[in-house]
Amino acid sequence: MNWISVKDRLPETRGIHLVCAVFFEDAGTLHVRTGYYDKTWYLDCCTNDYIVTHWMPLPSLPEE
């Protein structure tokens, strides 16, 4: 799976995705988080101080 830029497209349906985001106070560092998308991003942290730059669907679970 490859990262998808939010400039190229957003998820077609709401749900949980992996996201790459920049924190306002640390603009030079990308952070990987999980996020919920429903016409806007809600990240797994308690703040809206992140800008989502890329996303991808969650990978499949490993098989035993």
PDB file of N, CA and C in Angstrom:
ATOM      1  N   MET A   1       0.829  -1.189   0.000  1.00  0.00           N
ATOM      2  CA  MET A   1       0.000   0.000   0.000  1.00  0.00           C
ATOM      3  C   MET A   1       0.869   1.246   0.000  1.00  0.00           C
ATOM      4  N   ASN A   2       0.421   2.246  -0.690  1.00  0.00           N
ATOM      5  CA  ASN A   2       1.134   3.517  -0.743  1.00  0.00           C
ATOM      6  C   ASN A   2       0.325   4.597  -0.050  1.00  0.00           C
ATOM      7  N   TRP A   3       1.042   5.605   0.463  1.00  0.00           N
ATOM      8  CA  TRP A   3       0.393   6.755   1.065  1.00  0.00           C
ATOM      9  C   TRP A   3      -0.319   7.555  -0.019  1.00  0.00           C
ATOM     10  N   ILE A   4      -1.495   8.088   0.307  1.00  0.00           N
ATOM     11  CA  ILE A   4      -2.288   8.900  -0.614  1.00  0.00           C
ATOM     12  C   ILE A   4      -2.302  10.327  -0.082  1.00  0.00           C
ATOM     13  N   SER A   5      -1.918  11.266  -0.912  1.00  0.00           N
ATOM     14  CA  SER A   5      -1.921  12.669  -0.501  1.00  0.00           C
ATOM     15  C   SER A   5      -3.362  13.165  -0.387  1.00  0.00           C
ATOM     16  N   VAL A   6      -3.641  13.953   0.645  1.00  0.00           N
ATOM     17  CA  VAL A   6      -4.983  14.537   0.772  1.00  0.00           C
ATOM     18  C   VAL A   6      -5.245  15.535  -0.346  1.00  0.00           C
ATOM     19  N   LYS A   7      -4.183  15.994  -1.016  1.00  0.00           N
ATOM     20  CA  LYS A   7      -4.350  16.879  -2.168  1.00  0.00           C
ATOM     21  C   LYS A   7      -4.879  16.107  -3.383  1.00  0.00           C
ATOM     22  N   ASP A   8      -4.562  14.802  -3.442  1.00  0.00           N
ATOM     23  CA  ASP A   8      -5.002  13.975  -4.569  1.00  0.00           C
ATOM     24  C   ASP A   8      -6.430  13.482  -4.378  1.00  0.00           C
ATOM     25  N   ARG A   9      -6.722  12.983  -3.173  1.00  0.00           N
ATOM     26  CA  ARG A   9      -8.088  12.524  -2.878  1.00  0.00           C
ATOM     27  C   ARG A   9      -8.235  12.222  -1.398  1.00  0.00           C
ATOM     28  N   LEU A  10      -9.484  12.174  -0.958  1.00  0.00           N
ATOM     29  CA  LEU A  10      -9.831  11.827   0.416  1.00  0.00           C
ATOM     30  C   LEU A  10     -10.542  10.482   0.403  1.00  0.00           C
ATOM     31  N   PRO A  11     -10.659   9.833   1.549  1.00  0.00           N
ATOM     32  CA  PRO A  11     -11.378   8.554   1.578  1.00  0.00           C
ATOM     33  C   PRO A  11     -12.805   8.712   1.055  1.00  0.00           C
ATOM     34  N   GLU A  12     -13.282   7.687   0.359  1.00  0.00           N
ATOM     35  CA  GLU A  12     -14.641   7.719  -0.184  1.00  0.00           C
ATOM     36  C   GLU A  12     -15.700   7.455   0.883  1.00  0.00           C
ATOM     37  N   THR A  13     -15.316   6.749   1.932  1.00  0.00           N
ATOM     38  CA  THR A  13     -16.255   6.447   3.007  1.00  0.00           C
ATOM     39  C   THR A  13     -15.625   6.802   4.343  1.00  0.00           C
ATOM     40  N   ARG A  14     -16.476   7.038   5.325  1.00  0.00           N
ATOM     41  CA  ARG A  14     -15.952   7.347   6.652  1.00  0.00           C
ATOM     42  C   ARG A  14     -15.383   6.076   7.267  1.00  0.00           C
ATOM     43  N   GLY A  15     -14.454   6.264   8.180  1.00  0.00           N
ATOM     44  CA  GLY A  15     -13.849   5.120   8.846  1.00  0.00           C
ATOM     45  C   GLY A  15     -12.464   5.441   9.357  1.00  0.00           C
ATOM     46  N   ILE A  16     -11.811   4.409   9.882  1.00  0.00           N
ATOM     47  CA  ILE A  16     -10.481   4.556  10.477  1.00  0.00           C
ATOM     48  C   ILE A  16      -9.421   4.286   9.412  1.00  0.00           C
ATOM     49  N   HIS A  17      -8.400   5.133   9.384  1.00  0.00           N
ATOM     50  CA  HIS A  17      -7.314   5.037   8.422  1.00  0.00           C
ATOM     51  C   HIS A  17      -6.005   5.352   9.131  1.00  0.00           C
ATOM     52  N   LEU A  18      -4.878   4.949   8.536  1.00  0.00           N
ATOM     53  CA  LEU A  18      -3.586   5.432   8.986  1.00  0.00           C
ATOM     54  C   LEU A  18      -3.392   6.809   8.380  1.00  0.00           C
ATOM     55  N   VAL A  19      -2.889   7.738   9.155  1.00  0.00           N
ATOM     56  CA  VAL A  19      -2.654   9.079   8.633  1.00  0.00           C
ATOM     57  C   VAL A  19      -1.237   9.530   8.965  1.00  0.00           C
ATOM     58  N   CYS A  20      -0.698  10.347   8.105  1.00  0.00           N
ATOM     59  CA  CYS A  20       0.568  11.012   8.329  1.00  0.00           C
ATOM     60  C   CYS A  20       0.208  12.472   8.530  1.00  0.00           C
ATOM     61  N   ALA A  21       0.640  13.046   9.645  1.00  0.00           N
ATOM     62  CA  ALA A  21       0.202  14.401   9.991  1.00  0.00           C
ATOM     63  C   ALA A  21       1.366  15.219  10.520  1.00  0.00           C
ATOM     64  N   VAL A  22       1.241  16.519  10.369  1.00  0.00           N
ATOM     65  CA  VAL A  22       2.220  17.469  10.880  1.00  0.00           C
ATOM     66  C   VAL A  22       1.599  18.173  12.075  1.00  0.00           C
ATOM     67  N   PHE A  23       2.345  18.232  13.176  1.00  0.00           N
ATOM     68  CA  PHE A  23       1.916  18.940  14.377  1.00  0.00           C
ATOM     69  C   PHE A  23       2.304  20.404  14.227  1.00  0.00           C
ATOM     70  N   PHE A  24       1.389  21.328  14.500  1.00  0.00           N
ATOM     71  CA  PHE A  24       1.635  22.756  14.317  1.00  0.00           C
ATOM     72  C   PHE A  24       2.937  23.221  14.966  1.00  0.00           C
ATOM     73  N   GLU A  25       3.227  22.733  16.168  1.00  0.00           N
ATOM     74  CA  GLU A  25       4.395  23.220  16.907  1.00  0.00           C
ATOM     75  C   GLU A  25       5.686  22.544  16.473  1.00  0.00           C
ATOM     76  N   ASP A  26       5.593  21.525  15.624  1.00  0.00           N
ATOM     77  CA  ASP A  26       6.776  20.781  15.180  1.00  0.00           C
ATOM     78  C   ASP A  26       6.626  20.523  13.684  1.00  0.00           C
ATOM     79  N   ALA A  27       6.530  21.597  12.917  1.00  0.00           N
ATOM     80  CA  ALA A  27       6.165  21.512  11.501  1.00  0.00           C
ATOM     81  C   ALA A  27       7.141  20.706  10.657  1.00  0.00           C
ATOM     82  N   GLY A  28       8.343  20.473  11.141  1.00  0.00           N
ATOM     83  CA  GLY A  28       9.321  19.725  10.359  1.00  0.00           C
ATOM     84  C   GLY A  28       9.235  18.221  10.507  1.00  0.00           C
ATOM     85  N   THR A  29       8.383  17.721  11.388  1.00  0.00           N
ATOM     86  CA  THR A  29       8.320  16.295  11.664  1.00  0.00           C
ATOM     87  C   THR A  29       6.946  15.734  11.321  1.00  0.00           C
ATOM     88  N   LEU A  30       6.943  14.642  10.562  1.00  0.00           N
ATOM     89  CA  LEU A  30       5.690  13.947  10.267  1.00  0.00           C
ATOM     90  C   LEU A  30       5.440  12.902  11.341  1.00  0.00           C
ATOM     91  N   HIS A  31       4.200  12.763  11.755  1.00  0.00           N
ATOM     92  CA  HIS A  31       3.806  11.794  12.765  1.00  0.00           C
ATOM     93  C   HIS A  31       2.810  10.823  12.136  1.00  0.00           C
ATOM     94  N   VAL A  32       2.934   9.542  12.442  1.00  0.00           N
ATOM     95  CA  VAL A  32       1.973   8.554  11.968  1.00  0.00           C
ATOM     96  C   VAL A  32       0.988   8.289  13.092  1.00  0.00           C
ATOM     97  N   ARG A  33      -0.278   8.404  12.786  1.00  0.00           N
ATOM     98  CA  ARG A  33      -1.362   8.220  13.750  1.00  0.00           C
ATOM     99  C   ARG A  33      -2.468   7.419  13.091  1.00  0.00           C
ATOM    100  N   THR A  34      -3.436   7.024  13.887  1.00  0.00           N
ATOM    101  CA  THR A  34      -4.673   6.538  13.306  1.00  0.00           C
ATOM    102  C   THR A  34      -5.664   7.690  13.378  1.00  0.00           C
ATOM    103  N   GLY A  35      -6.529   7.742  12.406  1.00  0.00           N
ATOM    104  CA  GLY A  35      -7.498   8.826  12.379  1.00  0.00           C
ATOM    105  C   GLY A  35      -8.820   8.340  11.826  1.00  0.00           C
ATOM    106  N   TYR A  36      -9.882   8.985  12.251  1.00  0.00           N
ATOM    107  CA  TYR A  36     -11.220   8.675  11.773  1.00  0.00           C
ATOM    108  C   TYR A  36     -11.628   9.765  10.804  1.00  0.00           C
ATOM    109  N   TYR A  37     -12.100   9.367   9.628  1.00  0.00           N
ATOM    110  CA  TYR A  37     -12.511  10.352   8.627  1.00  0.00           C
ATOM    111  C   TYR A  37     -14.022  10.335   8.481  1.00  0.00           C
ATOM    112  N   ASP A  38     -14.647  11.486   8.618  1.00  0.00           N
ATOM    113  CA  ASP A  38     -16.088  11.660   8.384  1.00  0.00           C
ATOM    114  C   ASP A  38     -16.283  13.098   7.895  1.00  0.00           C
ATOM    115  N   LYS A  39     -15.887  13.357   6.653  1.00  0.00           N
ATOM    116  CA  LYS A  39     -15.880  14.674   6.021  1.00  0.00           C
ATOM    117  C   LYS A  39     -14.841  15.607   6.628  1.00  0.00           C
ATOM    118  N   THR A  40     -14.219  15.221   7.699  1.00  0.00           N
ATOM    119  CA  THR A  40     -13.077  15.888   8.311  1.00  0.00           C
ATOM    120  C   THR A  40     -12.299  14.828   9.075  1.00  0.00           C
ATOM    121  N   TRP A  41     -11.075  15.123   9.462  1.00  0.00           N
ATOM    122  CA  TRP A  41     -10.239  14.156  10.175  1.00  0.00           C
ATOM    123  C   TRP A  41     -10.361  14.342  11.680  1.00  0.00           C
ATOM    124  N   TYR A  42     -10.461  13.237  12.398  1.00  0.00           N
ATOM    125  CA  TYR A  42     -10.407  13.198  13.858  1.00  0.00           C
ATOM    126  C   TYR A  42      -9.284  12.235  14.206  1.00  0.00           C
ATOM    127  N   LEU A  43      -8.218  12.748  14.837  1.00  0.00           N
ATOM    128  CA  LEU A  43      -7.066  11.907  15.111  1.00  0.00           C
ATOM    129  C   LEU A  43      -7.186  11.224  16.462  1.00  0.00           C
ATOM    130  N   ASP A  44      -6.317  10.236  16.679  1.00  0.00           N
ATOM    131  CA  ASP A  44      -6.353   9.431  17.897  1.00  0.00           C
ATOM    132  C   ASP A  44      -5.834  10.172  19.116  1.00  0.00           C
ATOM    133  N   CYS A  45      -5.415  11.398  18.932  1.00  0.00           N
ATOM    134  CA  CYS A  45      -4.948  12.195  20.065  1.00  0.00           C
ATOM    135  C   CYS A  45      -6.030  13.202  20.445  1.00  0.00           C
ATOM    136  N   CYS A  46      -5.848  13.879  21.507  1.00  0.00           N
ATOM    137  CA  CYS A  46      -6.902  14.740  22.061  1.00  0.00           C
ATOM    138  C   CYS A  46      -6.821  16.184  21.571  1.00  0.00           C
ATOM    139  N   THR A  47      -6.192  16.414  20.469  1.00  0.00           N
ATOM    140  CA  THR A  47      -6.015  17.784  20.005  1.00  0.00           C
ATOM    141  C   THR A  47      -6.282  17.873  18.510  1.00  0.00           C
ATOM    142  N   ASN A  48      -6.650  19.033  18.050  1.00  0.00           N
ATOM    143  CA  ASN A  48      -6.829  19.274  16.624  1.00  0.00           C
ATOM    144  C   ASN A  48      -5.637  20.040  16.064  1.00  0.00           C
ATOM    145  N   ASP A  49      -4.496  19.965  16.740  1.00  0.00           N
ATOM    146  CA  ASP A  49      -3.311  20.703  16.331  1.00  0.00           C
ATOM    147  C   ASP A  49      -2.489  19.970  15.278  1.00  0.00           C
ATOM    148  N   TYR A  50      -3.099  19.055  14.552  1.00  0.00           N
ATOM    149  CA  TYR A  50      -2.415  18.306  13.507  1.00  0.00           C
ATOM    150  C   TYR A  50      -3.042  18.620  12.155  1.00  0.00           C
ATOM    151  N   ILE A  51      -2.218  18.665  11.115  1.00  0.00           N
ATOM    152  CA  ILE A  51      -2.692  18.792   9.746  1.00  0.00           C
ATOM    153  C   ILE A  51      -2.387  17.475   9.044  1.00  0.00           C
ATOM    154  N   VAL A  52      -3.404  16.778   8.600  1.00  0.00           N
ATOM    155  CA  VAL A  52      -3.217  15.512   7.899  1.00  0.00           C
ATOM    156  C   VAL A  52      -2.709  15.816   6.494  1.00  0.00           C
ATOM    157  N   THR A  53      -1.597  15.175   6.106  1.00  0.00           N
ATOM    158  CA  THR A  53      -1.031  15.378   4.777  1.00  0.00           C
ATOM    159  C   THR A  53      -1.253  14.169   3.870  1.00  0.00           C
ATOM    160  N   HIS A  54      -1.245  12.957   4.457  1.00  0.00           N
ATOM    161  CA  HIS A  54      -1.390  11.721   3.698  1.00  0.00           C
ATOM    162  C   HIS A  54      -2.200  10.716   4.511  1.00  0.00           C
ATOM    163  N   TRP A  55      -2.770   9.737   3.829  1.00  0.00           N
ATOM    164  CA  TRP A  55      -3.545   8.701   4.502  1.00  0.00           C
ATOM    165  C   TRP A  55      -3.441   7.408   3.697  1.00  0.00           C
ATOM    166  N   MET A  56      -3.817   6.302   4.325  1.00  0.00           N
ATOM    167  CA  MET A  56      -3.925   5.012   3.644  1.00  0.00           C
ATOM    168  C   MET A  56      -4.905   4.139   4.421  1.00  0.00           C
ATOM    169  N   PRO A  57      -5.542   3.182   3.736  1.00  0.00           N
ATOM    170  CA  PRO A  57      -6.423   2.253   4.449  1.00  0.00           C
ATOM    171  C   PRO A  57      -5.611   1.440   5.449  1.00  0.00           C
ATOM    172  N   LEU A  58      -6.263   0.955   6.485  1.00  0.00           N
ATOM    173  CA  LEU A  58      -5.584   0.068   7.427  1.00  0.00           C
ATOM    174  C   LEU A  58      -5.197  -1.215   6.708  1.00  0.00           C
ATOM    175  N   PRO A  59      -4.023  -1.758   7.011  1.00  0.00           N
ATOM    176  CA  PRO A  59      -3.628  -3.013   6.378  1.00  0.00           C
ATOM    177  C   PRO A  59      -4.468  -4.173   6.918  1.00  0.00           C
ATOM    178  N   SER A  60      -4.452  -5.271   6.189  1.00  0.00           N
ATOM    179  CA  SER A  60      -5.131  -6.482   6.660  1.00  0.00           C
ATOM    180  C   SER A  60      -4.427  -7.030   7.882  1.00  0.00           C
ATOM    181  N   LEU A  61      -5.168  -7.702   8.737  1.00  0.00           N
ATOM    182  CA  LEU A  61      -4.565  -8.340   9.906  1.00  0.00           C
ATOM    183  C   LEU A  61      -3.685  -9.515   9.469  1.00  0.00           C
ATOM    184  N   PRO A  62      -2.634  -9.806  10.218  1.00  0.00           N
ATOM    185  CA  PRO A  62      -1.777 -10.934   9.843  1.00  0.00           C
ATOM    186  C   PRO A  62      -2.503 -12.260  10.022  1.00  0.00           C
ATOM    187  N   GLU A  63      -2.137 -13.214   9.194  1.00  0.00           N
ATOM    188  CA  GLU A  63      -2.701 -14.550   9.326  1.00  0.00           C
ATOM    189  C   GLU A  63      -1.762 -15.381  10.175  1.00  0.00           C
ATOM    190  N   GLU A  64      -2.341 -16.271  10.974  1.00  0.00           N
ATOM    191  CA  GLU A  64      -1.500 -17.120  11.826  1.00  0.00           C
ATOM    192  C   GLU A  64      -1.039 -18.341  11.068  1.00  0.00           C
TER     193      GLU A  64
END
